[in-house]
Amino acid sequence: TPVWTLSDLTGITTDDIAITYDLANYPMRVYVQVTRNVSLIGATFKLHLVDSGNTLTEFVLNVKVIGF
């Protein structure tokens, strides 16, 4: 089971980011939505993926808000 987490938030808070899933149909897919606020342009964060059994390597995606 995938476990998604956020870290290294710069110019953004967890309240500004919504993470949703469709585990039944797309277990390895995550949907990330950022609050529509132009002051968040340029904000960055890291999105981490690990499996709940902690048997696979962690994957990290560096994310930057570039526009709306």
PDB file of N, CA and C in Angstrom:
ATOM      1  N   THR A   1       0.841  -1.181   0.000  1.00  0.00           N
ATOM      2  CA  THR A   1       0.000   0.000   0.000  1.00  0.00           C
ATOM      3  C   THR A   1       0.883   1.240   0.000  1.00  0.00           C
ATOM      4  N   PRO A   2       0.667   2.173  -0.904  1.00  0.00           N
ATOM      5  CA  PRO A   2       1.489   3.382  -0.946  1.00  0.00           C
ATOM      6  C   PRO A   2       1.173   4.316   0.221  1.00  0.00           C
ATOM      7  N   VAL A   3       2.198   4.982   0.702  1.00  0.00           N
ATOM      8  CA  VAL A   3       2.050   5.997   1.743  1.00  0.00           C
ATOM      9  C   VAL A   3       2.705   7.268   1.210  1.00  0.00           C
ATOM     10  N   TRP A   4       1.921   8.318   1.076  1.00  0.00           N
ATOM     11  CA  TRP A   4       2.392   9.598   0.547  1.00  0.00           C
ATOM     12  C   TRP A   4       2.530  10.589   1.693  1.00  0.00           C
ATOM     13  N   THR A   5       3.655  11.308   1.740  1.00  0.00           N
ATOM     14  CA  THR A   5       3.869  12.331   2.763  1.00  0.00           C
ATOM     15  C   THR A   5       4.509  13.560   2.127  1.00  0.00           C
ATOM     16  N   LEU A   6       4.424  14.673   2.829  1.00  0.00           N
ATOM     17  CA  LEU A   6       5.012  15.932   2.387  1.00  0.00           C
ATOM     18  C   LEU A   6       6.144  16.323   3.326  1.00  0.00           C
ATOM     19  N   SER A   7       7.138  17.023   2.779  1.00  0.00           N
ATOM     20  CA  SER A   7       8.203  17.575   3.616  1.00  0.00           C
ATOM     21  C   SER A   7       8.779  18.813   2.946  1.00  0.00           C
ATOM     22  N   ASP A   8       9.658  19.480   3.647  1.00  0.00           N
ATOM     23  CA  ASP A   8      10.404  20.639   3.127  1.00  0.00           C
ATOM     24  C   ASP A   8       9.495  21.674   2.465  1.00  0.00           C
ATOM     25  N   LEU A   9       8.420  22.029   3.144  1.00  0.00           N
ATOM     26  CA  LEU A   9       7.489  23.017   2.607  1.00  0.00           C
ATOM     27  C   LEU A   9       8.097  24.416   2.739  1.00  0.00           C
ATOM     28  N   THR A  10       8.202  25.124   1.618  1.00  0.00           N
ATOM     29  CA  THR A  10       8.755  26.478   1.596  1.00  0.00           C
ATOM     30  C   THR A  10       7.748  27.396   0.919  1.00  0.00           C
ATOM     31  N   GLY A  11       7.208  28.348   1.667  1.00  0.00           N
ATOM     32  CA  GLY A  11       6.237  29.280   1.115  1.00  0.00           C
ATOM     33  C   GLY A  11       4.849  28.701   0.972  1.00  0.00           C
ATOM     34  N   ILE A  12       4.596  27.568   1.613  1.00  0.00           N
ATOM     35  CA  ILE A  12       3.312  26.872   1.520  1.00  0.00           C
ATOM     36  C   ILE A  12       3.121  26.054   2.798  1.00  0.00           C
ATOM     37  N   THR A  13       1.870  25.778   3.153  1.00  0.00           N
ATOM     38  CA  THR A  13       1.594  24.952   4.331  1.00  0.00           C
ATOM     39  C   THR A  13       0.808  23.712   3.906  1.00  0.00           C
ATOM     40  N   THR A  14       0.710  22.750   4.788  1.00  0.00           N
ATOM     41  CA  THR A  14      -0.066  21.546   4.473  1.00  0.00           C
ATOM     42  C   THR A  14      -1.539  21.875   4.268  1.00  0.00           C
ATOM     43  N   ASP A  15      -2.023  22.963   4.856  1.00  0.00           N
ATOM     44  CA  ASP A  15      -3.413  23.376   4.647  1.00  0.00           C
ATOM     45  C   ASP A  15      -3.661  23.836   3.209  1.00  0.00           C
ATOM     46  N   ASP A  16      -2.599  24.218   2.492  1.00  0.00           N
ATOM     47  CA  ASP A  16      -2.712  24.675   1.104  1.00  0.00           C
ATOM     48  C   ASP A  16      -2.668  23.526   0.100  1.00  0.00           C
ATOM     49  N   ILE A  17      -2.405  22.310   0.572  1.00  0.00           N
ATOM     50  CA  ILE A  17      -2.210  21.169  -0.315  1.00  0.00           C
ATOM     51  C   ILE A  17      -3.214  20.067   0.044  1.00  0.00           C
ATOM     52  N   ALA A  18      -3.936  19.600  -0.961  1.00  0.00           N
ATOM     53  CA  ALA A  18      -4.859  18.474  -0.767  1.00  0.00           C
ATOM     54  C   ALA A  18      -4.304  17.272  -1.515  1.00  0.00           C
ATOM     55  N   ILE A  19      -4.204  16.139  -0.831  1.00  0.00           N
ATOM     56  CA  ILE A  19      -3.739  14.903  -1.431  1.00  0.00           C
ATOM     57  C   ILE A  19      -4.886  13.902  -1.372  1.00  0.00           C
ATOM     58  N   THR A  20      -5.249  13.342  -2.524  1.00  0.00           N
ATOM     59  CA  THR A  20      -6.309  12.343  -2.579  1.00  0.00           C
ATOM     60  C   THR A  20      -5.827  11.132  -3.374  1.00  0.00           C
ATOM     61  N   TYR A  21      -6.562  10.027  -3.245  1.00  0.00           N
ATOM     62  CA  TYR A  21      -6.185   8.763  -3.866  1.00  0.00           C
ATOM     63  C   TYR A  21      -7.409   8.074  -4.423  1.00  0.00           C
ATOM     64  N   ASP A  22      -7.160   7.110  -5.301  1.00  0.00           N
ATOM     65  CA  ASP A  22      -8.181   6.182  -5.768  1.00  0.00           C
ATOM     66  C   ASP A  22      -7.546   4.793  -5.671  1.00  0.00           C
ATOM     67  N   LEU A  23      -7.395   4.310  -4.434  1.00  0.00           N
ATOM     68  CA  LEU A  23      -6.657   3.067  -4.199  1.00  0.00           C
ATOM     69  C   LEU A  23      -7.276   1.861  -4.895  1.00  0.00           C
ATOM     70  N   ALA A  24      -8.584   1.864  -5.062  1.00  0.00           N
ATOM     71  CA  ALA A  24      -9.239   0.711  -5.682  1.00  0.00           C
ATOM     72  C   ALA A  24      -8.862   0.568  -7.162  1.00  0.00           C
ATOM     73  N   ASN A  25      -8.770   1.686  -7.866  1.00  0.00           N
ATOM     74  CA  ASN A  25      -8.510   1.635  -9.304  1.00  0.00           C
ATOM     75  C   ASN A  25      -7.064   1.949  -9.690  1.00  0.00           C
ATOM     76  N   TYR A  26      -6.427   2.860  -8.966  1.00  0.00           N
ATOM     77  CA  TYR A  26      -5.063   3.291  -9.289  1.00  0.00           C
ATOM     78  C   TYR A  26      -4.248   3.369  -7.999  1.00  0.00           C
ATOM     79  N   PRO A  27      -3.826   2.258  -7.458  1.00  0.00           N
ATOM     80  CA  PRO A  27      -3.191   2.247  -6.139  1.00  0.00           C
ATOM     81  C   PRO A  27      -1.871   3.015  -6.051  1.00  0.00           C
ATOM     82  N   MET A  28      -1.194   3.230  -7.157  1.00  0.00           N
ATOM     83  CA  MET A  28       0.083   3.942  -7.106  1.00  0.00           C
ATOM     84  C   MET A  28      -0.038   5.383  -7.593  1.00  0.00           C
ATOM     85  N   ARG A  29      -1.256   5.892  -7.713  1.00  0.00           N
ATOM     86  CA  ARG A  29      -1.480   7.254  -8.211  1.00  0.00           C
ATOM     87  C   ARG A  29      -1.943   8.150  -7.065  1.00  0.00           C
ATOM     88  N   VAL A  30      -1.418   9.356  -7.057  1.00  0.00           N
ATOM     89  CA  VAL A  30      -1.834  10.356  -6.082  1.00  0.00           C
ATOM     90  C   VAL A  30      -2.276  11.598  -6.851  1.00  0.00           C
ATOM     91  N   TYR A  31      -3.253  12.292  -6.310  1.00  0.00           N
ATOM     92  CA  TYR A  31      -3.721  13.540  -6.898  1.00  0.00           C
ATOM     93  C   TYR A  31      -3.371  14.655  -5.923  1.00  0.00           C
ATOM     94  N   VAL A  32      -2.658  15.650  -6.415  1.00  0.00           N
ATOM     95  CA  VAL A  32      -2.218  16.765  -5.573  1.00  0.00           C
ATOM     96  C   VAL A  32      -2.890  18.030  -6.085  1.00  0.00           C
ATOM     97  N   GLN A  33      -3.556  18.732  -5.181  1.00  0.00           N
ATOM     98  CA  GLN A  33      -4.215  19.980  -5.548  1.00  0.00           C
ATOM     99  C   GLN A  33      -3.747  21.073  -4.604  1.00  0.00           C
ATOM    100  N   VAL A  34      -3.324  22.194  -5.176  1.00  0.00           N
ATOM    101  CA  VAL A  34      -2.848  23.331  -4.390  1.00  0.00           C
ATOM    102  C   VAL A  34      -3.936  24.400  -4.398  1.00  0.00           C
ATOM    103  N   THR A  35      -4.143  25.026  -3.251  1.00  0.00           N
ATOM    104  CA  THR A  35      -5.110  26.111  -3.126  1.00  0.00           C
ATOM    105  C   THR A  35      -4.839  27.170  -4.181  1.00  0.00           C
ATOM    106  N   ARG A  36      -5.887  27.618  -4.840  1.00  0.00           N
ATOM    107  CA  ARG A  36      -5.731  28.641  -5.882  1.00  0.00           C
ATOM    108  C   ARG A  36      -5.470  29.989  -5.218  1.00  0.00           C
ATOM    109  N   ASN A  37      -4.182  30.316  -5.097  1.00  0.00           N
ATOM    110  CA  ASN A  37      -3.756  31.548  -4.430  1.00  0.00           C
ATOM    111  C   ASN A  37      -2.454  31.979  -5.097  1.00  0.00           C
ATOM    112  N   VAL A  38      -2.470  33.095  -5.800  1.00  0.00           N
ATOM    113  CA  VAL A  38      -1.291  33.519  -6.558  1.00  0.00           C
ATOM    114  C   VAL A  38      -0.074  33.745  -5.666  1.00  0.00           C
ATOM    115  N   SER A  39      -0.275  33.973  -4.386  1.00  0.00           N
ATOM    116  CA  SER A  39       0.879  34.159  -3.495  1.00  0.00           C
ATOM    117  C   SER A  39       1.648  32.852  -3.289  1.00  0.00           C
ATOM    118  N   LEU A  40       1.074  31.717  -3.704  1.00  0.00           N
ATOM    119  CA  LEU A  40       1.760  30.432  -3.576  1.00  0.00           C
ATOM    120  C   LEU A  40       2.676  30.123  -4.763  1.00  0.00           C
ATOM    121  N   ILE A  41       2.609  30.954  -5.815  1.00  0.00           N
ATOM    122  CA  ILE A  41       3.501  30.740  -6.960  1.00  0.00           C
ATOM    123  C   ILE A  41       4.941  30.885  -6.488  1.00  0.00           C
ATOM    124  N   GLY A  42       5.744  29.894  -6.805  1.00  0.00           N
ATOM    125  CA  GLY A  42       7.140  29.854  -6.369  1.00  0.00           C
ATOM    126  C   GLY A  42       7.356  28.974  -5.142  1.00  0.00           C
ATOM    127  N   ALA A  43       6.266  28.595  -4.465  1.00  0.00           N
ATOM    128  CA  ALA A  43       6.378  27.727  -3.292  1.00  0.00           C
ATOM    129  C   ALA A  43       6.875  26.349  -3.719  1.00  0.00           C
ATOM    130  N   THR A  44       7.566  25.675  -2.816  1.00  0.00           N
ATOM    131  CA  THR A  44       8.096  24.340  -3.121  1.00  0.00           C
ATOM    132  C   THR A  44       7.813  23.383  -1.971  1.00  0.00           C
ATOM    133  N   PHE A  45       7.786  22.096  -2.321  1.00  0.00           N
ATOM    134  CA  PHE A  45       7.671  21.047  -1.309  1.00  0.00           C
ATOM    135  C   PHE A  45       8.115  19.738  -1.923  1.00  0.00           C
ATOM    136  N   LYS A  46       8.335  18.750  -1.082  1.00  0.00           N
ATOM    137  CA  LYS A  46       8.697  17.416  -1.534  1.00  0.00           C
ATOM    138  C   LYS A  46       7.552  16.467  -1.242  1.00  0.00           C
ATOM    139  N   LEU A  47       7.261  15.612  -2.209  1.00  0.00           N
ATOM    140  CA  LEU A  47       6.233  14.587  -2.079  1.00  0.00           C
ATOM    141  C   LEU A  47       6.946  13.238  -2.033  1.00  0.00           C
ATOM    142  N   HIS A  48       6.778  12.518  -0.927  1.00  0.00           N
ATOM    143  CA  HIS A  48       7.466  11.242  -0.705  1.00  0.00           C
ATOM    144  C   HIS A  48       6.498  10.083  -0.898  1.00  0.00           C
ATOM    145  N   LEU A  49       7.004   9.015  -1.494  1.00  0.00           N
ATOM    146  CA  LEU A  49       6.243   7.779  -1.635  1.00  0.00           C
ATOM    147  C   LEU A  49       7.048   6.642  -1.033  1.00  0.00           C
ATOM    148  N   VAL A  50       6.437   5.936  -0.093  1.00  0.00           N
ATOM    149  CA  VAL A  50       7.003   4.695   0.460  1.00  0.00           C
ATOM    150  C   VAL A  50       5.868   3.685   0.502  1.00  0.00           C
ATOM    151  N   ASP A  51       6.212   2.422   0.623  1.00  0.00           N
ATOM    152  CA  ASP A  51       5.159   1.427   0.787  1.00  0.00           C
ATOM    153  C   ASP A  51       4.957   1.180   2.275  1.00  0.00           C
ATOM    154  N   SER A  52       3.750   0.838   2.654  1.00  0.00           N
ATOM    155  CA  SER A  52       3.417   0.686   4.075  1.00  0.00           C
ATOM    156  C   SER A  52       4.226  -0.418   4.742  1.00  0.00           C
ATOM    157  N   GLY A  53       4.710  -1.389   3.970  1.00  0.00           N
ATOM    158  CA  GLY A  53       5.535  -2.457   4.523  1.00  0.00           C
ATOM    159  C   GLY A  53       6.998  -2.078   4.626  1.00  0.00           C
ATOM    160  N   ASN A  54       7.330  -0.899   4.091  1.00  0.00           N
ATOM    161  CA  ASN A  54       8.686  -0.373   4.134  1.00  0.00           C
ATOM    162  C   ASN A  54       9.702  -1.350   3.519  1.00  0.00           C
ATOM    163  N   THR A  55       9.309  -1.989   2.414  1.00  0.00           N
ATOM    164  CA  THR A  55      10.192  -2.958   1.763  1.00  0.00           C
ATOM    165  C   THR A  55      10.831  -2.415   0.487  1.00  0.00           C
ATOM    166  N   LEU A  56      10.318  -1.307  -0.045  1.00  0.00           N
ATOM    167  CA  LEU A  56      10.846  -0.738  -1.277  1.00  0.00           C
ATOM    168  C   LEU A  56      11.562   0.582  -0.992  1.00  0.00           C
ATOM    169  N   THR A  57      12.350   1.026  -1.933  1.00  0.00           N
ATOM    170  CA  THR A  57      13.056   2.290  -1.817  1.00  0.00           C
ATOM    171  C   THR A  57      12.070   3.447  -1.832  1.00  0.00           C
ATOM    172  N   GLU A  58      12.356   4.477  -1.066  1.00  0.00           N
ATOM    173  CA  GLU A  58      11.527   5.678  -1.057  1.00  0.00           C
ATOM    174  C   GLU A  58      11.765   6.473  -2.339  1.00  0.00           C
ATOM    175  N   PHE A  59      10.700   7.040  -2.879  1.00  0.00           N
ATOM    176  CA  PHE A  59      10.793   7.915  -4.034  1.00  0.00           C
ATOM    177  C   PHE A  59      10.368   9.311  -3.610  1.00  0.00           C
ATOM    178  N   VAL A  60      11.090  10.320  -4.093  1.00  0.00           N
ATOM    179  CA  VAL A  60      10.815  11.703  -3.706  1.00  0.00           C
ATOM    180  C   VAL A  60      10.660  12.544  -4.966  1.00  0.00           C
ATOM    181  N   LEU A  61       9.593  13.320  -5.003  1.00  0.00           N
ATOM    182  CA  LEU A  61       9.329  14.224  -6.113  1.00  0.00           C
ATOM    183  C   LEU A  61       9.432  15.651  -5.582  1.00  0.00           C
ATOM    184  N   ASN A  62      10.294  16.454  -6.178  1.00  0.00           N
ATOM    185  CA  ASN A  62      10.403  17.869  -5.825  1.00  0.00           C
ATOM    186  C   ASN A  62       9.360  18.635  -6.623  1.00  0.00           C
ATOM    187  N   VAL A  63       8.507  19.389  -5.926  1.00  0.00           N
ATOM    188  CA  VAL A  63       7.380  20.077  -6.560  1.00  0.00           C
ATOM    189  C   VAL A  63       7.536  21.583  -6.376  1.00  0.00           C
ATOM    190  N   LYS A  64       7.248  22.324  -7.446  1.00  0.00           N
ATOM    191  CA  LYS A  64       7.251  23.784  -7.379  1.00  0.00           C
ATOM    192  C   LYS A  64       5.965  24.290  -8.015  1.00  0.00           C
ATOM    193  N   VAL A  65       5.280  25.207  -7.327  1.00  0.00           N
ATOM    194  CA  VAL A  65       4.070  25.829  -7.855  1.00  0.00           C
ATOM    195  C   VAL A  65       4.518  26.885  -8.862  1.00  0.00           C
ATOM    196  N   ILE A  66       4.093  26.727 -10.130  1.00  0.00           N
ATOM    197  CA  ILE A  66       4.558  27.662 -11.150  1.00  0.00           C
ATOM    198  C   ILE A  66       3.452  28.519 -11.735  1.00  0.00           C
ATOM    199  N   GLY A  67       2.192  28.217 -11.449  1.00  0.00           N
ATOM    200  CA  GLY A  67       1.099  29.028 -11.962  1.00  0.00           C
ATOM    201  C   GLY A  67      -0.237  28.350 -11.723  1.00  0.00           C
ATOM    202  N   PHE A  68      -1.293  29.051 -12.139  1.00  0.00           N
ATOM    203  CA  PHE A  68      -2.661  28.537 -11.998  1.00  0.00           C
ATOM    204  C   PHE A  68      -3.400  28.685 -13.286  1.00  0.00           C
TER     205      PHE A  68
END
